[in-house]
N, C-alpha and C. Protein backbone atom coordinates (compact mmCIF):
# COMPACT_ATOMS: atom_id res chain seq x y z
N MET A 1 121.10 215.25 50.04
CA MET A 1 121.99 214.40 49.36
C MET A 1 121.92 213.05 50.26
N ALA A 2 121.79 211.81 49.42
CA ALA A 2 121.92 210.60 49.89
C ALA A 2 122.75 209.45 49.38
N ALA A 3 123.08 208.72 50.28
CA ALA A 3 124.25 207.70 49.89
C ALA A 3 123.51 206.41 50.40
N CYS A 4 124.13 205.27 49.70
CA CYS A 4 123.43 203.74 50.17
C CYS A 4 124.39 202.90 50.57
N CYS A 5 124.18 202.39 51.59
CA CYS A 5 125.20 201.28 52.25
C CYS A 5 124.25 200.16 52.38
N ASP A 6 123.15 199.85 51.91
CA ASP A 6 122.28 198.96 52.23
C ASP A 6 121.96 197.83 51.32
N LYS A 7 121.66 198.36 49.86
CA LYS A 7 121.01 197.32 48.96
C LYS A 7 121.91 196.15 48.64
N CYS A 8 123.42 196.40 48.69
CA CYS A 8 124.13 195.36 48.17
C CYS A 8 124.72 194.49 49.04
N LYS A 9 124.38 194.65 50.21
CA LYS A 9 124.99 193.80 51.30
C LYS A 9 126.40 193.80 51.53
N PRO A 10 127.04 195.01 51.47
CA PRO A 10 128.45 195.13 51.55
C PRO A 10 128.91 194.72 52.76
N THR A 11 130.27 194.49 53.01
CA THR A 11 131.16 193.85 54.22
C THR A 11 131.07 195.25 54.89
N ALA A 12 131.20 195.00 56.46
CA ALA A 12 131.44 196.43 57.33
C ALA A 12 132.56 196.92 56.82
N LYS A 13 133.73 196.62 56.24
CA LYS A 13 134.64 197.67 55.83
C LYS A 13 134.19 198.33 54.47
N THR A 14 133.45 197.80 53.73
CA THR A 14 132.92 198.53 52.58
C THR A 14 131.97 199.55 53.11
N ASN A 15 131.10 198.93 54.00
CA ASN A 15 130.03 199.91 54.50
C ASN A 15 130.42 201.08 54.98
N ILE A 16 131.84 201.21 55.78
CA ILE A 16 132.20 202.12 56.33
C ILE A 16 132.92 203.16 55.47
N ALA A 17 133.64 202.64 54.27
CA ALA A 17 134.25 203.08 53.26
C ALA A 17 133.23 203.88 52.44
N ILE A 18 131.94 203.43 52.40
CA ILE A 18 130.77 204.22 51.58
C ILE A 18 130.36 205.50 52.39
N LEU A 19 130.18 205.19 53.87
CA LEU A 19 130.02 206.35 54.59
C LEU A 19 130.85 207.37 54.99
N LYS A 20 132.17 207.04 54.87
CA LYS A 20 133.42 207.86 54.59
C LYS A 20 133.33 208.70 53.49
N GLN A 21 132.94 208.00 52.36
CA GLN A 21 133.23 208.75 50.98
C GLN A 21 131.99 209.82 50.78
N ALA A 22 130.87 209.56 51.64
CA ALA A 22 129.64 210.32 51.30
C ALA A 22 129.96 211.59 52.36
N CYS A 23 130.62 211.31 53.46
CA CYS A 23 130.91 212.44 54.17
C CYS A 23 131.84 213.28 53.83
N VAL A 24 133.01 212.77 53.00
CA VAL A 24 134.07 213.39 52.31
C VAL A 24 133.54 214.57 51.39
N GLU A 25 132.60 213.76 50.56
CA GLU A 25 132.08 214.57 49.26
C GLU A 25 131.23 215.54 49.82
N ILE A 26 130.30 215.70 50.85
CA ILE A 26 129.27 216.58 51.19
C ILE A 26 130.19 217.60 52.06
N ALA A 27 131.08 217.43 52.61
CA ALA A 27 131.86 218.31 53.41
C ALA A 27 132.62 219.19 52.32
N ASP A 28 133.16 218.49 51.25
CA ASP A 28 133.73 219.29 50.14
C ASP A 28 132.66 220.36 49.42
N PHE A 29 131.65 219.56 49.18
CA PHE A 29 130.51 220.43 48.57
C PHE A 29 130.18 221.65 49.44
N ASN A 30 129.96 221.53 50.71
CA ASN A 30 129.57 222.40 51.66
C ASN A 30 130.36 223.44 51.86
N ALA A 31 131.79 223.16 51.53
CA ALA A 31 132.84 224.19 51.71
C ALA A 31 132.48 225.17 50.79
N GLN A 32 131.93 224.97 49.65
CA GLN A 32 131.61 226.04 48.64
C GLN A 32 130.24 226.84 48.78
N ARG A 33 129.77 226.50 50.05
CA ARG A 33 128.04 226.77 50.03
C ARG A 33 128.09 227.70 51.29
N GLU A 34 127.22 228.73 51.31
CA GLU A 34 126.89 229.58 52.39
C GLU A 34 126.41 228.62 53.77
N ARG A 35 125.75 227.72 53.35
CA ARG A 35 124.94 226.81 54.55
C ARG A 35 125.12 225.32 53.93
N GLY A 36 125.42 224.43 54.93
CA GLY A 36 125.85 223.37 54.51
C GLY A 36 124.36 222.38 54.38
N LEU A 37 124.60 221.27 53.37
CA LEU A 37 123.47 220.42 53.10
C LEU A 37 123.68 219.21 54.09
N ARG A 38 122.71 218.39 54.56
CA ARG A 38 122.92 217.23 55.29
C ARG A 38 123.06 216.06 54.37
N VAL A 39 123.82 215.08 54.54
CA VAL A 39 123.95 213.72 53.63
C VAL A 39 123.13 212.77 54.54
N ALA A 40 122.31 212.02 54.04
CA ALA A 40 121.59 210.89 54.40
C ALA A 40 122.28 209.57 53.83
N VAL A 41 122.74 208.68 54.62
CA VAL A 41 123.19 207.42 54.30
C VAL A 41 122.41 206.25 54.92
N ASN A 42 122.02 205.26 53.76
CA ASN A 42 121.28 204.09 54.25
C ASN A 42 122.13 203.19 54.80
N ILE A 43 121.86 202.79 56.15
CA ILE A 43 122.73 201.63 56.75
C ILE A 43 122.06 200.35 57.16
N SER A 44 122.52 199.22 56.59
CA SER A 44 121.53 197.92 56.74
C SER A 44 121.47 197.80 58.44
N SER A 45 120.56 197.00 58.71
CA SER A 45 120.28 196.72 60.03
C SER A 45 121.49 196.09 60.73
N LEU A 46 121.97 195.12 59.87
CA LEU A 46 123.24 194.24 60.43
C LEU A 46 124.36 195.10 60.82
N GLN A 47 124.73 196.02 59.81
CA GLN A 47 125.72 196.92 60.16
C GLN A 47 125.58 197.99 61.44
N PHE A 48 124.27 198.34 61.49
CA PHE A 48 123.95 199.20 62.50
C PHE A 48 124.14 198.55 64.10
N VAL A 49 123.86 197.54 63.94
CA VAL A 49 123.84 196.95 65.39
C VAL A 49 125.24 196.01 65.69
N ARG A 50 126.16 196.04 64.60
CA ARG A 50 127.34 195.20 65.03
C ARG A 50 128.32 196.17 65.94
N ASP A 51 128.96 195.34 66.85
CA ASP A 51 130.09 195.76 67.53
C ASP A 51 130.96 196.89 66.82
N GLY A 52 131.10 197.81 67.21
CA GLY A 52 132.31 198.84 66.87
C GLY A 52 131.81 199.81 65.61
N PHE A 53 130.26 199.65 65.45
CA PHE A 53 129.68 200.79 64.44
C PHE A 53 130.00 202.42 64.99
N LEU A 54 129.48 202.34 66.21
CA LEU A 54 129.67 203.99 66.70
C LEU A 54 130.93 204.35 66.72
N ASP A 55 131.82 203.45 67.08
CA ASP A 55 133.24 204.00 67.01
C ASP A 55 133.75 204.29 65.50
N ASP A 56 133.25 203.54 64.30
CA ASP A 56 133.54 204.01 63.20
C ASP A 56 132.77 205.11 62.75
N VAL A 57 131.49 205.27 63.31
CA VAL A 57 130.95 206.63 62.89
C VAL A 57 131.82 208.01 63.46
N ARG A 58 132.25 207.80 64.85
CA ARG A 58 132.99 208.65 65.39
C ARG A 58 134.25 208.97 64.41
N ARG A 59 134.94 208.01 64.21
CA ARG A 59 136.24 208.06 63.38
C ARG A 59 136.02 208.72 62.03
N VAL A 60 134.72 208.38 61.60
CA VAL A 60 134.61 208.90 60.05
C VAL A 60 134.74 210.38 60.28
N LEU A 61 133.86 210.99 61.25
CA LEU A 61 133.43 212.28 61.40
C LEU A 61 134.65 213.04 61.82
N THR A 62 135.51 212.60 62.62
CA THR A 62 136.80 213.10 62.73
C THR A 62 137.69 213.32 61.65
N GLU A 63 137.56 212.12 60.97
CA GLU A 63 138.44 212.15 59.64
C GLU A 63 138.27 213.15 58.62
N THR A 64 137.01 213.27 58.46
CA THR A 64 136.35 214.18 57.45
C THR A 64 135.98 215.44 57.84
N GLY A 65 135.91 215.63 58.97
CA GLY A 65 135.60 217.06 59.54
C GLY A 65 134.22 217.55 59.33
N LEU A 66 133.23 216.72 58.85
CA LEU A 66 131.81 217.05 58.80
C LEU A 66 131.25 216.91 59.96
N PRO A 67 130.43 218.10 60.33
CA PRO A 67 129.82 218.37 61.56
C PRO A 67 128.84 217.09 61.69
N PRO A 68 128.73 216.60 62.95
CA PRO A 68 127.68 215.55 63.04
C PRO A 68 126.45 215.87 62.68
N GLN A 69 125.91 217.23 62.84
CA GLN A 69 124.60 217.75 62.64
C GLN A 69 124.02 217.66 61.29
N LEU A 70 125.32 217.20 60.45
CA LEU A 70 124.91 217.10 58.83
C LEU A 70 125.08 215.84 58.45
N LEU A 71 125.25 214.71 59.40
CA LEU A 71 124.99 213.57 59.12
C LEU A 71 123.70 213.01 59.48
N GLU A 72 123.10 212.08 58.55
CA GLU A 72 121.93 211.51 58.94
C GLU A 72 121.90 209.86 58.37
N LEU A 73 121.62 208.99 59.35
CA LEU A 73 121.69 207.77 59.03
C LEU A 73 119.95 207.09 58.98
N GLU A 74 120.03 206.44 57.85
CA GLU A 74 118.87 205.71 57.40
C GLU A 74 118.57 204.32 57.89
N VAL A 75 117.86 203.85 58.63
CA VAL A 75 117.68 202.44 59.07
C VAL A 75 116.39 202.09 59.06
N THR A 76 116.02 200.68 58.46
CA THR A 76 114.59 200.29 58.53
C THR A 76 114.26 199.61 59.79
N GLU A 77 112.71 199.41 59.70
CA GLU A 77 112.13 198.82 60.98
C GLU A 77 112.72 197.22 61.59
N SER A 78 113.34 196.65 60.45
CA SER A 78 114.17 195.23 60.67
C SER A 78 115.19 195.66 61.76
N VAL A 79 115.72 196.56 61.92
CA VAL A 79 116.88 196.93 63.05
C VAL A 79 116.19 196.55 64.30
N LEU A 80 115.04 196.28 64.71
CA LEU A 80 114.38 196.05 65.92
C LEU A 80 114.23 194.47 66.04
N LEU A 81 114.51 193.71 64.99
CA LEU A 81 114.25 192.22 65.16
C LEU A 81 114.68 191.48 66.27
N ASP A 82 115.88 192.04 66.67
CA ASP A 82 116.76 191.31 67.71
C ASP A 82 116.57 191.77 69.21
N GLY A 83 115.55 193.03 69.08
CA GLY A 83 115.56 193.40 70.42
C GLY A 83 115.78 195.07 70.17
N ALA A 84 114.76 195.68 70.93
CA ALA A 84 114.77 197.20 70.75
C ALA A 84 115.75 197.94 71.85
N LYS A 85 116.32 197.25 72.88
CA LYS A 85 116.90 198.16 73.88
C LYS A 85 118.26 198.55 73.36
N PRO A 86 118.90 197.77 72.71
CA PRO A 86 120.46 198.36 72.33
C PRO A 86 120.32 198.90 71.11
N VAL A 87 119.38 199.10 70.47
CA VAL A 87 118.86 199.99 69.20
C VAL A 87 118.58 201.25 69.92
N ILE A 88 117.93 201.49 70.62
CA ILE A 88 117.55 202.66 71.34
C ILE A 88 118.66 203.38 71.99
N GLU A 89 119.50 202.38 72.75
CA GLU A 89 120.58 203.12 73.46
C GLU A 89 121.55 203.58 72.59
N LEU A 90 121.81 202.94 71.15
CA LEU A 90 122.68 203.35 70.40
C LEU A 90 122.18 204.79 69.64
N MET A 91 120.99 204.74 69.27
CA MET A 91 120.27 205.91 68.66
C MET A 91 120.49 207.22 69.71
N GLU A 92 120.31 206.95 71.02
CA GLU A 92 120.49 208.06 71.77
C GLU A 92 121.94 208.40 71.83
N THR A 93 122.82 207.64 71.81
CA THR A 93 124.40 208.08 71.96
C THR A 93 124.47 208.87 70.60
N LEU A 94 123.86 208.37 69.67
CA LEU A 94 124.11 209.03 68.26
C LEU A 94 123.63 210.43 68.15
N LYS A 95 122.30 210.44 69.07
CA LYS A 95 121.73 211.67 69.09
C LYS A 95 122.70 212.69 69.89
N THR A 96 123.15 212.14 70.89
CA THR A 96 123.87 212.86 71.97
C THR A 96 125.13 213.59 70.99
N LEU A 97 125.76 212.82 70.00
CA LEU A 97 126.66 213.35 69.23
C LEU A 97 126.49 214.39 68.23
N GLY A 98 124.98 214.34 68.15
CA GLY A 98 124.51 215.42 66.96
C GLY A 98 124.28 214.60 65.64
N VAL A 99 124.45 213.45 65.68
CA VAL A 99 123.91 212.38 64.40
C VAL A 99 122.37 211.88 64.54
N ARG A 100 121.75 212.35 63.46
CA ARG A 100 120.30 212.27 63.31
C ARG A 100 120.10 210.48 62.81
N VAL A 101 118.97 209.97 63.35
CA VAL A 101 118.67 208.50 62.81
C VAL A 101 117.24 208.58 62.32
N ALA A 102 116.86 208.40 61.04
CA ALA A 102 115.75 208.38 60.41
C ALA A 102 115.37 206.85 60.11
N LEU A 103 113.95 206.71 60.16
CA LEU A 103 113.27 205.43 59.96
C LEU A 103 112.88 205.48 58.66
N ASP A 104 113.74 204.29 57.85
CA ASP A 104 113.24 204.48 56.29
C ASP A 104 112.13 203.20 56.28
N ASP A 105 111.58 203.20 55.09
CA ASP A 105 110.35 202.19 54.83
C ASP A 105 109.57 202.19 55.76
N PHE A 106 109.11 203.38 56.58
CA PHE A 106 108.08 203.09 57.53
C PHE A 106 106.81 202.35 57.11
N GLY A 107 106.19 201.40 57.80
CA GLY A 107 105.03 200.65 57.70
C GLY A 107 105.15 199.62 56.95
N THR A 108 106.60 199.09 56.57
CA THR A 108 106.62 197.93 55.90
C THR A 108 107.26 196.63 56.73
N GLY A 109 107.56 197.03 58.01
CA GLY A 109 108.08 196.07 58.98
C GLY A 109 106.92 195.48 59.83
N PHE A 110 107.59 194.83 60.85
CA PHE A 110 106.52 194.45 61.76
C PHE A 110 106.67 194.72 63.34
N SER A 111 107.25 195.95 63.26
CA SER A 111 107.62 196.24 64.92
C SER A 111 106.22 196.79 65.37
N SER A 112 106.37 196.81 66.63
CA SER A 112 105.23 197.31 67.44
C SER A 112 105.38 198.73 67.37
N LEU A 113 103.94 199.55 67.57
CA LEU A 113 104.11 201.09 67.60
C LEU A 113 104.59 201.66 68.85
N SER A 114 104.59 200.51 70.15
CA SER A 114 105.18 200.97 71.14
C SER A 114 106.79 201.37 70.74
N TYR A 115 107.55 200.55 70.14
CA TYR A 115 108.82 201.16 69.61
C TYR A 115 109.04 202.22 68.94
N LEU A 116 108.10 202.62 68.28
CA LEU A 116 108.29 203.82 67.38
C LEU A 116 108.06 204.92 68.67
N ARG A 117 107.23 204.79 69.37
CA ARG A 117 107.02 205.55 70.72
C ARG A 117 108.35 205.84 71.49
N ASP A 118 109.29 204.91 71.45
CA ASP A 118 110.42 204.90 72.18
C ASP A 118 111.76 205.25 71.80
N LEU A 119 111.73 205.10 70.28
CA LEU A 119 112.83 205.44 69.26
C LEU A 119 113.13 206.98 69.29
N PRO A 120 114.36 207.12 69.56
CA PRO A 120 114.96 208.56 69.57
C PRO A 120 115.01 208.95 68.10
N THR A 121 114.08 208.71 67.15
CA THR A 121 114.08 209.23 65.80
C THR A 121 113.23 210.37 65.54
N HIS A 122 113.82 211.28 64.72
CA HIS A 122 113.32 212.55 64.44
C HIS A 122 112.23 212.53 63.09
N LYS A 123 112.57 211.35 62.37
CA LYS A 123 112.06 211.32 60.98
C LYS A 123 111.71 209.94 60.77
N VAL A 124 110.59 209.85 60.10
CA VAL A 124 109.94 208.51 59.19
C VAL A 124 109.77 208.77 57.88
N LYS A 125 110.01 207.72 57.08
CA LYS A 125 109.95 208.03 55.55
C LYS A 125 108.94 206.82 55.32
N LEU A 126 107.81 207.35 54.63
CA LEU A 126 106.64 206.52 54.41
C LEU A 126 107.20 205.40 53.04
N ASP A 127 107.19 204.37 53.16
CA ASP A 127 107.59 203.42 51.87
C ASP A 127 106.80 203.89 50.81
N ARG A 128 107.25 203.44 49.58
CA ARG A 128 106.43 204.10 48.25
C ARG A 128 105.27 203.18 48.19
N SER A 129 105.29 201.92 48.52
CA SER A 129 104.30 200.84 48.51
C SER A 129 102.93 201.66 48.83
N PHE A 130 102.99 202.37 49.93
CA PHE A 130 101.77 203.13 50.43
C PHE A 130 101.48 204.40 49.57
N VAL A 131 102.60 205.20 49.23
CA VAL A 131 102.53 206.34 48.49
C VAL A 131 101.77 206.42 47.25
N GLU A 132 102.02 205.35 46.42
CA GLU A 132 101.67 205.07 45.02
C GLU A 132 100.21 204.72 44.95
N LYS A 133 99.54 204.34 46.23
CA LYS A 133 98.17 204.04 46.21
C LYS A 133 97.29 204.71 46.97
N THR A 134 97.73 205.99 47.39
CA THR A 134 97.11 206.88 48.19
C THR A 134 95.89 207.23 47.50
N THR A 135 95.83 207.74 46.13
CA THR A 135 95.03 208.45 45.55
C THR A 135 93.99 207.38 44.87
N THR A 136 94.21 206.23 44.91
CA THR A 136 93.39 204.88 44.43
C THR A 136 92.76 203.93 45.17
N ASP A 137 93.12 204.09 46.65
CA ASP A 137 92.94 203.14 47.57
C ASP A 137 92.42 203.78 48.62
N HIS A 138 91.04 203.79 49.11
CA HIS A 138 91.00 204.72 50.36
C HIS A 138 91.37 204.21 51.69
N ARG A 139 91.54 202.86 51.61
CA ARG A 139 91.99 202.47 52.81
C ARG A 139 93.58 202.75 53.04
N ILE A 140 94.20 202.49 51.89
CA ILE A 140 95.67 202.94 51.93
C ILE A 140 95.84 204.37 52.30
N ALA A 141 94.85 205.30 51.97
CA ALA A 141 95.00 206.61 52.28
C ALA A 141 94.77 206.72 53.63
N ALA A 142 93.64 206.22 54.20
CA ALA A 142 93.61 206.05 55.65
C ALA A 142 94.55 205.90 56.59
N ILE A 143 95.53 204.85 56.16
CA ILE A 143 96.73 204.45 56.99
C ILE A 143 97.68 205.61 56.81
N VAL A 144 97.81 205.88 55.46
CA VAL A 144 98.99 207.01 55.22
C VAL A 144 98.51 208.18 56.20
N GLN A 145 97.19 208.47 56.06
CA GLN A 145 96.92 209.86 56.94
C GLN A 145 97.09 209.42 58.37
N GLY A 146 96.64 208.27 58.92
CA GLY A 146 97.03 208.19 60.26
C GLY A 146 98.36 208.01 60.37
N MET A 147 99.28 207.59 59.69
CA MET A 147 100.81 207.63 60.08
C MET A 147 101.35 208.89 59.88
N ILE A 148 100.92 209.76 58.91
CA ILE A 148 101.40 211.08 59.14
C ILE A 148 100.86 211.89 60.46
N THR A 149 99.74 211.65 60.88
CA THR A 149 99.11 212.51 62.18
C THR A 149 99.88 211.89 63.24
N MET A 150 100.03 210.54 63.44
CA MET A 150 100.64 210.11 64.54
C MET A 150 102.16 210.50 64.57
N ALA A 151 102.95 210.64 63.49
CA ALA A 151 104.25 211.01 63.51
C ALA A 151 104.39 212.50 64.25
N HIS A 152 103.50 213.46 63.38
CA HIS A 152 103.43 214.48 64.01
C HIS A 152 103.24 214.97 65.39
N HIS A 153 102.29 214.03 65.86
CA HIS A 153 102.01 214.17 67.26
C HIS A 153 103.13 213.78 68.10
N MET A 154 104.01 212.99 67.62
CA MET A 154 105.37 212.51 68.36
C MET A 154 106.59 213.52 67.74
N ASP A 155 106.18 214.68 67.30
CA ASP A 155 107.03 215.63 66.83
C ASP A 155 108.24 215.26 65.88
N MET A 156 107.52 214.10 64.91
CA MET A 156 108.47 213.80 63.83
C MET A 156 108.17 214.32 62.44
N ILE A 157 109.13 214.57 61.66
CA ILE A 157 109.12 214.88 60.40
C ILE A 157 108.60 213.63 59.53
N VAL A 158 107.73 213.80 58.64
CA VAL A 158 107.30 212.87 57.66
C VAL A 158 107.75 213.04 56.17
N VAL A 159 108.36 211.80 55.56
CA VAL A 159 108.77 212.16 54.26
C VAL A 159 108.14 210.95 53.51
N ALA A 160 107.30 211.47 52.27
CA ALA A 160 106.85 210.44 51.52
C ALA A 160 107.84 209.93 50.16
N GLU A 161 108.08 208.74 50.41
CA GLU A 161 108.98 208.17 49.34
C GLU A 161 108.14 208.02 47.88
N GLY A 162 108.90 208.11 46.94
CA GLY A 162 108.31 207.54 45.54
C GLY A 162 107.16 208.43 44.88
N ILE A 163 107.34 209.67 45.27
CA ILE A 163 106.45 210.56 44.39
C ILE A 163 106.88 210.57 42.78
N GLU A 164 105.86 210.27 42.12
CA GLU A 164 106.26 210.19 40.63
C GLU A 164 105.00 211.08 39.61
N THR A 165 104.02 211.42 40.21
CA THR A 165 102.89 212.28 39.51
C THR A 165 102.77 213.47 40.37
N ARG A 166 102.06 214.30 39.40
CA ARG A 166 101.55 215.77 40.11
C ARG A 166 100.55 215.20 41.07
N GLU A 167 99.64 214.42 40.98
CA GLU A 167 98.52 214.10 41.55
C GLU A 167 98.99 213.40 42.83
N GLN A 168 100.08 212.50 42.92
CA GLN A 168 100.37 212.17 44.44
C GLN A 168 101.28 213.46 45.30
N GLN A 169 101.66 214.21 44.39
CA GLN A 169 102.45 215.39 45.07
C GLN A 169 101.32 215.98 45.81
N ASP A 170 100.26 216.52 45.05
CA ASP A 170 98.88 217.37 45.66
C ASP A 170 98.31 216.57 46.77
N ASP A 171 98.28 215.27 46.63
CA ASP A 171 97.44 214.62 47.65
C ASP A 171 98.49 214.42 48.85
N LEU A 172 99.51 214.12 48.94
CA LEU A 172 100.43 214.23 50.06
C LEU A 172 100.72 215.38 50.74
N ALA A 173 100.48 216.49 50.00
CA ALA A 173 100.77 217.95 50.45
C ALA A 173 99.49 218.13 51.04
N ARG A 174 98.34 218.05 50.51
CA ARG A 174 97.18 218.12 51.22
C ARG A 174 97.00 217.44 52.57
N ARG A 175 97.81 216.17 52.71
CA ARG A 175 97.72 215.46 53.76
C ARG A 175 98.90 216.09 55.02
N HIS A 176 99.63 217.09 54.60
CA HIS A 176 100.53 217.67 55.37
C HIS A 176 101.71 216.99 55.52
N CYS A 177 102.09 216.20 54.56
CA CYS A 177 103.26 215.54 54.70
C CYS A 177 104.59 216.55 54.63
N ASP A 178 105.57 216.28 55.32
CA ASP A 178 106.42 217.51 55.49
C ASP A 178 107.47 217.57 54.19
N ILE A 179 107.95 216.49 53.73
CA ILE A 179 108.83 216.27 52.74
C ILE A 179 108.38 215.40 51.48
N LEU A 180 108.53 215.63 50.39
CA LEU A 180 108.09 214.81 49.30
C LEU A 180 109.56 214.50 48.62
N GLN A 181 109.69 213.06 48.03
CA GLN A 181 110.80 212.73 47.57
C GLN A 181 110.31 211.58 46.36
N GLY A 182 111.08 211.77 45.04
CA GLY A 182 110.73 211.05 43.99
C GLY A 182 111.29 211.52 42.73
N TYR A 183 111.06 210.56 41.80
CA TYR A 183 111.24 211.01 40.51
C TYR A 183 110.50 212.06 39.67
N LEU A 184 109.41 212.54 40.34
CA LEU A 184 108.83 213.67 39.74
C LEU A 184 109.71 214.83 40.12
N PHE A 185 110.66 215.05 40.96
CA PHE A 185 111.32 216.08 41.31
C PHE A 185 112.88 215.76 40.93
N ALA A 186 113.44 214.60 41.02
CA ALA A 186 114.73 214.35 40.47
C ALA A 186 114.93 212.96 40.55
N ARG A 187 115.82 212.41 39.89
CA ARG A 187 116.31 211.20 39.79
C ARG A 187 117.62 211.20 40.50
N PRO A 188 118.11 209.70 41.07
CA PRO A 188 119.40 209.81 41.68
C PRO A 188 120.60 210.40 40.49
N MET A 189 121.66 211.20 41.24
CA MET A 189 122.66 211.67 40.22
C MET A 189 123.91 211.64 40.88
N PRO A 190 124.93 211.62 40.11
CA PRO A 190 126.13 211.99 40.67
C PRO A 190 126.62 213.42 41.45
N LEU A 191 127.34 213.13 42.15
CA LEU A 191 127.61 214.51 42.91
C LEU A 191 127.82 215.58 41.91
N ALA A 192 128.71 215.41 40.91
CA ALA A 192 128.92 216.37 39.59
C ALA A 192 127.64 216.96 39.24
N ASP A 193 126.89 215.95 38.95
CA ASP A 193 125.58 216.62 38.50
C ASP A 193 124.75 217.43 39.21
N LEU A 194 125.05 217.19 40.80
CA LEU A 194 124.32 217.65 41.77
C LEU A 194 124.83 219.09 41.89
N LYS A 195 126.13 219.19 41.56
CA LYS A 195 126.89 220.48 41.82
C LYS A 195 126.23 221.53 40.71
N LYS A 196 125.44 221.19 39.76
CA LYS A 196 125.10 221.92 38.79
C LYS A 196 123.88 222.70 38.99
N LEU A 197 123.11 222.17 40.13
CA LEU A 197 121.94 222.75 40.45
C LEU A 197 121.87 223.61 41.59
N PRO A 198 122.54 224.62 41.61
CA PRO A 198 122.69 225.45 42.92
C PRO A 198 121.51 226.27 43.01
N ASP A 199 120.81 226.49 42.05
CA ASP A 199 119.74 227.60 42.01
C ASP A 199 118.34 227.04 42.70
N ILE A 200 118.43 225.46 42.64
CA ILE A 200 117.23 225.03 43.34
C ILE A 200 117.52 224.18 44.56
N LEU A 201 118.84 224.32 45.07
CA LEU A 201 119.02 223.61 46.14
C LEU A 201 118.66 224.56 47.45
N PRO A 202 118.36 224.03 48.45
CA PRO A 202 118.17 224.58 49.53
C PRO A 202 119.12 225.38 50.27
N VAL A 203 118.93 226.60 50.69
CA VAL A 203 119.80 227.72 51.45
C VAL A 203 119.99 227.47 52.83
N GLY A 204 118.70 227.18 53.40
CA GLY A 204 118.32 227.21 54.91
C GLY A 204 118.81 225.98 55.48
N PRO A 205 118.75 226.03 56.70
CA PRO A 205 119.14 224.86 57.60
C PRO A 205 118.55 223.40 57.09
N ALA A 206 119.17 222.37 57.23
CA ALA A 206 118.74 221.22 56.74
C ALA A 206 117.63 220.65 57.66
N THR A 207 116.69 219.86 57.40
CA THR A 207 115.68 219.19 58.09
C THR A 207 115.73 217.68 58.08
């Protein structure tokens, strides 16, 4: 399950309110399941690095009762523009809490690959601008294969965003991409509609 605090440039207060609401709803949903689903929340770079963000995350987890292991924060490479050291330290602290951080829209930023080596992230999400061309552009396909192989060698999970055709699904599966995401499988939906799909939701531990 995913929620977004990034696209509309909300204030810090609104950002945390969205984060809290996502945690409340998934905690309630998980109470009705044998094993819990993780919720992924997009966080803007400005919000992620602002003073007090870590305390806000701790407070939200305490108030909602959501286990930290079931919260994943998604940030883009732009979070590194003002320096990698404080970002790495924050990610390390979140990791200690049990909260995971994924790198979203990977491949579209301008960060050095050395930063990827140092970031304590467990997951990278390949941007749809790459995914949509892997079957038609051999150079893009080579870049995608290289990113998947590189991430795997660093023990990272790779997600392909924007899967819309069966051809794309088969191509990324052949390249050993771990998780596929896109309209081919489901479109964004309210939680009420998600609750109607118990037979196709994963029952094992979230990845």
